[in-house]
């Protein structure tokens, strides 16, 4: 049994495939290979294009599954982590 984990970061999307019985990472990939763009349309704002995340998630998944080389049905769970809000926001008065 294998577990697939994703980290949706501000610099890239990472994917890792782990053997659940041994804890061994059997495959790992990240995309893009250079840091993703962060847009700042106003002072104190930061945003990224969700389509870019989706594209890079698909690329990372494809790379991990290609390296894995086994039936994807052996993957029994998927976990996703991300950082929602990294910039402290002022509290309303």
N, C-alpha and C. Protein backbone atom coordinates (compact mmCIF):
# COMPACT_ATOMS: atom_id res chain seq x y z
N UNK A 1 0.84 -1.17 0.00
CA UNK A 1 0.00 0.00 0.00
C UNK A 1 0.89 1.24 0.00
N UNK A 2 0.48 2.24 -0.77
CA UNK A 2 1.25 3.47 -0.90
C UNK A 2 0.38 4.69 -0.58
N UNK A 3 1.04 5.74 -0.13
CA UNK A 3 0.37 6.99 0.21
C UNK A 3 0.98 8.10 -0.63
N UNK A 4 0.14 8.96 -1.19
CA UNK A 4 0.59 10.06 -2.03
C UNK A 4 0.35 11.37 -1.28
N UNK A 5 1.39 12.15 -1.12
CA UNK A 5 1.27 13.41 -0.41
C UNK A 5 1.64 14.58 -1.30
N UNK A 6 0.90 15.68 -1.13
CA UNK A 6 1.16 16.91 -1.87
C UNK A 6 1.42 18.05 -0.89
N UNK A 7 2.33 18.92 -1.26
CA UNK A 7 2.55 20.18 -0.56
C UNK A 7 2.39 21.29 -1.58
N UNK A 8 1.33 22.08 -1.42
CA UNK A 8 1.09 23.22 -2.31
C UNK A 8 1.75 24.43 -1.68
N UNK A 9 2.96 24.70 -2.11
CA UNK A 9 3.72 25.80 -1.54
C UNK A 9 3.70 27.02 -2.44
N UNK A 10 4.20 28.11 -1.92
CA UNK A 10 4.23 29.33 -2.71
C UNK A 10 5.33 29.29 -3.77
N UNK A 11 6.34 28.44 -3.57
CA UNK A 11 7.42 28.37 -4.56
C UNK A 11 7.21 27.25 -5.57
N UNK A 12 6.58 26.14 -5.15
CA UNK A 12 6.35 25.02 -6.05
C UNK A 12 5.31 24.08 -5.46
N UNK A 13 4.89 23.12 -6.28
CA UNK A 13 4.01 22.04 -5.84
C UNK A 13 4.88 20.79 -5.75
N UNK A 14 4.90 20.17 -4.57
CA UNK A 14 5.70 18.97 -4.35
C UNK A 14 4.78 17.77 -4.20
N UNK A 15 5.24 16.62 -4.69
CA UNK A 15 4.51 15.37 -4.54
C UNK A 15 5.49 14.30 -4.10
N UNK A 16 5.05 13.46 -3.16
CA UNK A 16 5.88 12.34 -2.70
C UNK A 16 5.00 11.11 -2.54
N UNK A 17 5.56 9.98 -2.93
CA UNK A 17 4.88 8.70 -2.80
C UNK A 17 5.64 7.87 -1.76
N UNK A 18 4.91 7.40 -0.75
CA UNK A 18 5.53 6.71 0.39
C UNK A 18 4.96 5.31 0.52
N UNK A 19 5.85 4.35 0.78
CA UNK A 19 5.43 2.99 1.10
C UNK A 19 4.87 3.02 2.52
N UNK A 20 3.59 2.73 2.69
CA UNK A 20 2.95 2.84 4.01
C UNK A 20 3.53 1.85 5.02
N UNK A 21 3.99 0.70 4.57
CA UNK A 21 4.50 -0.32 5.48
C UNK A 21 5.88 0.02 6.02
N UNK A 22 6.71 0.64 5.17
CA UNK A 22 8.10 0.89 5.57
C UNK A 22 8.40 2.36 5.87
N UNK A 23 7.54 3.26 5.39
CA UNK A 23 7.79 4.69 5.55
C UNK A 23 8.80 5.23 4.54
N UNK A 24 9.24 4.37 3.61
CA UNK A 24 10.22 4.77 2.60
C UNK A 24 9.57 5.62 1.52
N UNK A 25 10.22 6.73 1.18
CA UNK A 25 9.78 7.56 0.05
C UNK A 25 10.28 6.88 -1.22
N UNK A 26 9.35 6.45 -2.06
CA UNK A 26 9.72 5.72 -3.28
C UNK A 26 9.81 6.62 -4.50
N UNK A 27 9.21 7.81 -4.41
CA UNK A 27 9.27 8.75 -5.53
C UNK A 27 8.89 10.13 -5.04
N UNK A 28 9.54 11.13 -5.62
CA UNK A 28 9.26 12.51 -5.23
C UNK A 28 9.54 13.42 -6.43
N UNK A 29 8.74 14.49 -6.54
CA UNK A 29 8.94 15.44 -7.65
C UNK A 29 8.38 16.79 -7.25
N UNK A 30 8.86 17.84 -7.91
CA UNK A 30 8.29 19.16 -7.69
C UNK A 30 8.29 19.93 -9.00
N UNK A 31 7.30 20.80 -9.15
CA UNK A 31 7.15 21.66 -10.32
C UNK A 31 6.56 22.98 -9.87
N UNK A 32 6.90 24.07 -10.51
CA UNK A 32 7.88 24.22 -11.58
C UNK A 32 9.30 24.12 -11.03
N UNK A 33 10.25 24.08 -11.90
CA UNK A 33 11.65 23.96 -11.50
C UNK A 33 12.25 25.30 -11.09
N UNK A 34 11.50 26.38 -11.30
CA UNK A 34 11.89 27.69 -10.77
C UNK A 34 10.71 28.21 -9.98
N UNK A 35 10.94 29.13 -9.08
CA UNK A 35 9.90 29.60 -8.17
C UNK A 35 8.69 30.17 -8.91
N UNK A 36 7.49 29.82 -8.42
CA UNK A 36 6.27 30.33 -9.03
C UNK A 36 6.11 31.82 -8.75
N UNK A 37 5.46 32.49 -9.68
CA UNK A 37 5.24 33.92 -9.56
C UNK A 37 4.23 34.24 -8.45
N UNK A 38 4.52 35.28 -7.69
CA UNK A 38 3.59 35.81 -6.70
C UNK A 38 3.24 37.22 -7.14
N UNK A 39 1.94 37.47 -7.31
CA UNK A 39 1.48 38.78 -7.75
C UNK A 39 1.13 39.63 -6.53
N UNK A 40 1.44 40.89 -6.61
CA UNK A 40 1.11 41.83 -5.55
C UNK A 40 0.45 43.04 -6.19
N UNK A 41 -0.88 43.00 -6.30
CA UNK A 41 -1.60 44.07 -6.99
C UNK A 41 -1.81 45.30 -6.11
N UNK A 42 -1.67 45.13 -4.80
CA UNK A 42 -1.74 46.23 -3.85
C UNK A 42 -0.72 45.98 -2.76
N UNK A 43 -0.30 47.02 -2.09
CA UNK A 43 0.63 46.87 -0.98
C UNK A 43 0.03 45.92 0.06
N UNK A 44 0.82 44.96 0.50
CA UNK A 44 0.37 44.00 1.50
C UNK A 44 -0.42 42.82 0.95
N UNK A 45 -0.66 42.79 -0.34
CA UNK A 45 -1.40 41.70 -0.97
C UNK A 45 -0.42 40.72 -1.63
N UNK A 46 -0.79 39.47 -1.68
CA UNK A 46 -0.02 38.46 -2.40
C UNK A 46 -0.98 37.40 -2.90
N UNK A 47 -0.86 37.04 -4.17
CA UNK A 47 -1.73 36.00 -4.73
C UNK A 47 -1.01 35.25 -5.82
N UNK A 48 -1.51 34.04 -6.09
CA UNK A 48 -0.97 33.21 -7.16
C UNK A 48 -2.13 32.68 -7.99
N UNK A 49 -1.82 32.33 -9.22
CA UNK A 49 -2.81 31.80 -10.15
C UNK A 49 -3.09 30.33 -9.81
N UNK A 50 -4.34 30.01 -9.51
CA UNK A 50 -4.69 28.63 -9.16
C UNK A 50 -4.50 27.67 -10.34
N UNK A 51 -4.63 28.16 -11.56
CA UNK A 51 -4.39 27.30 -12.73
C UNK A 51 -2.92 26.86 -12.78
N UNK A 52 -2.02 27.73 -12.33
CA UNK A 52 -0.60 27.37 -12.26
C UNK A 52 -0.39 26.26 -11.24
N UNK A 53 -1.05 26.35 -10.08
CA UNK A 53 -0.97 25.27 -9.09
C UNK A 53 -1.46 23.96 -9.70
N UNK A 54 -2.63 24.00 -10.38
CA UNK A 54 -3.22 22.80 -10.96
C UNK A 54 -2.30 22.17 -12.01
N UNK A 55 -1.75 23.00 -12.88
CA UNK A 55 -0.83 22.50 -13.91
C UNK A 55 0.38 21.83 -13.27
N UNK A 56 0.96 22.46 -12.25
CA UNK A 56 2.14 21.90 -11.60
C UNK A 56 1.82 20.66 -10.77
N UNK A 57 0.61 20.59 -10.21
CA UNK A 57 0.20 19.39 -9.49
C UNK A 57 0.10 18.21 -10.46
N UNK A 58 -0.45 18.45 -11.65
CA UNK A 58 -0.55 17.37 -12.64
C UNK A 58 0.84 16.92 -13.10
N UNK A 59 1.76 17.87 -13.31
CA UNK A 59 3.11 17.52 -13.73
C UNK A 59 3.84 16.72 -12.65
N UNK A 60 3.71 17.14 -11.39
CA UNK A 60 4.36 16.42 -10.29
C UNK A 60 3.78 15.02 -10.14
N UNK A 61 2.47 14.90 -10.29
CA UNK A 61 1.82 13.59 -10.19
C UNK A 61 2.30 12.66 -11.30
N UNK A 62 2.34 13.18 -12.51
CA UNK A 62 2.81 12.37 -13.64
C UNK A 62 4.25 11.89 -13.42
N UNK A 63 5.11 12.78 -12.93
CA UNK A 63 6.51 12.41 -12.70
C UNK A 63 6.62 11.33 -11.62
N UNK A 64 5.87 11.48 -10.54
CA UNK A 64 5.90 10.50 -9.45
C UNK A 64 5.38 9.15 -9.92
N UNK A 65 4.28 9.14 -10.65
CA UNK A 65 3.72 7.86 -11.12
C UNK A 65 4.61 7.19 -12.15
N UNK A 66 5.26 7.98 -12.99
CA UNK A 66 6.19 7.41 -13.97
C UNK A 66 7.36 6.74 -13.27
N UNK A 67 7.93 7.41 -12.28
CA UNK A 67 9.05 6.82 -11.53
C UNK A 67 8.59 5.60 -10.74
N UNK A 68 7.39 5.65 -10.17
CA UNK A 68 6.81 4.54 -9.40
C UNK A 68 6.70 3.30 -10.27
N UNK A 69 6.15 3.43 -11.47
CA UNK A 69 6.11 2.34 -12.43
C UNK A 69 5.21 1.18 -12.07
N UNK A 70 4.35 1.35 -11.09
CA UNK A 70 3.42 0.28 -10.70
C UNK A 70 2.00 0.77 -10.90
N UNK A 71 1.05 -0.12 -10.65
CA UNK A 71 -0.36 0.21 -10.79
C UNK A 71 -0.74 1.31 -9.80
N UNK A 72 -1.26 2.45 -10.28
CA UNK A 72 -1.68 3.52 -9.37
C UNK A 72 -2.76 3.10 -8.38
N UNK A 73 -3.44 1.98 -8.63
CA UNK A 73 -4.44 1.47 -7.70
C UNK A 73 -3.81 1.06 -6.37
N UNK A 74 -2.49 0.89 -6.34
CA UNK A 74 -1.78 0.57 -5.09
C UNK A 74 -1.72 1.77 -4.15
N UNK A 75 -2.07 2.96 -4.66
CA UNK A 75 -2.11 4.17 -3.83
C UNK A 75 -3.47 4.20 -3.15
N UNK A 76 -3.46 4.16 -1.82
CA UNK A 76 -4.71 4.03 -1.07
C UNK A 76 -5.16 5.31 -0.37
N UNK A 77 -4.30 6.32 -0.33
CA UNK A 77 -4.70 7.57 0.32
C UNK A 77 -3.89 8.73 -0.25
N UNK A 78 -4.50 9.91 -0.22
CA UNK A 78 -3.84 11.13 -0.68
C UNK A 78 -3.96 12.16 0.43
N UNK A 79 -2.85 12.82 0.74
CA UNK A 79 -2.85 13.90 1.73
C UNK A 79 -2.38 15.18 1.08
N UNK A 80 -2.96 16.29 1.52
CA UNK A 80 -2.62 17.60 0.95
C UNK A 80 -2.30 18.56 2.08
N UNK A 81 -1.19 19.26 1.94
CA UNK A 81 -0.86 20.31 2.91
C UNK A 81 -0.59 21.60 2.15
N UNK A 82 -0.87 22.70 2.80
CA UNK A 82 -0.62 24.00 2.22
C UNK A 82 -0.64 25.04 3.32
N UNK A 83 -0.08 26.17 3.04
CA UNK A 83 -0.08 27.27 3.99
C UNK A 83 -1.10 28.28 3.51
N UNK A 84 -2.13 28.47 4.28
CA UNK A 84 -3.23 29.33 3.86
C UNK A 84 -2.85 30.80 3.89
N UNK A 85 -2.46 31.27 5.02
CA UNK A 85 -2.25 32.69 5.20
C UNK A 85 -0.88 32.91 5.83
N UNK A 86 0.06 33.37 5.08
CA UNK A 86 1.40 33.53 5.63
C UNK A 86 1.72 34.98 6.00
N UNK A 87 0.85 35.88 5.63
CA UNK A 87 1.07 37.29 5.93
C UNK A 87 0.12 37.68 7.06
N UNK A 88 0.64 38.18 8.18
CA UNK A 88 -0.27 38.57 9.27
C UNK A 88 -1.18 39.72 8.84
N UNK A 89 -2.44 39.57 9.14
CA UNK A 89 -3.42 40.60 8.78
C UNK A 89 -3.77 41.40 10.03
N UNK A 90 -4.02 42.69 9.87
CA UNK A 90 -4.43 43.49 11.03
C UNK A 90 -5.84 43.07 11.48
N UNK A 91 -6.06 43.06 12.76
CA UNK A 91 -7.38 42.74 13.30
C UNK A 91 -8.29 43.94 13.18
N UNK A 92 -9.57 43.71 12.91
CA UNK A 92 -10.49 44.83 12.81
C UNK A 92 -10.58 45.57 14.16
N UNK A 93 -10.81 46.87 14.09
CA UNK A 93 -10.90 47.67 15.32
C UNK A 93 -12.21 47.47 16.00
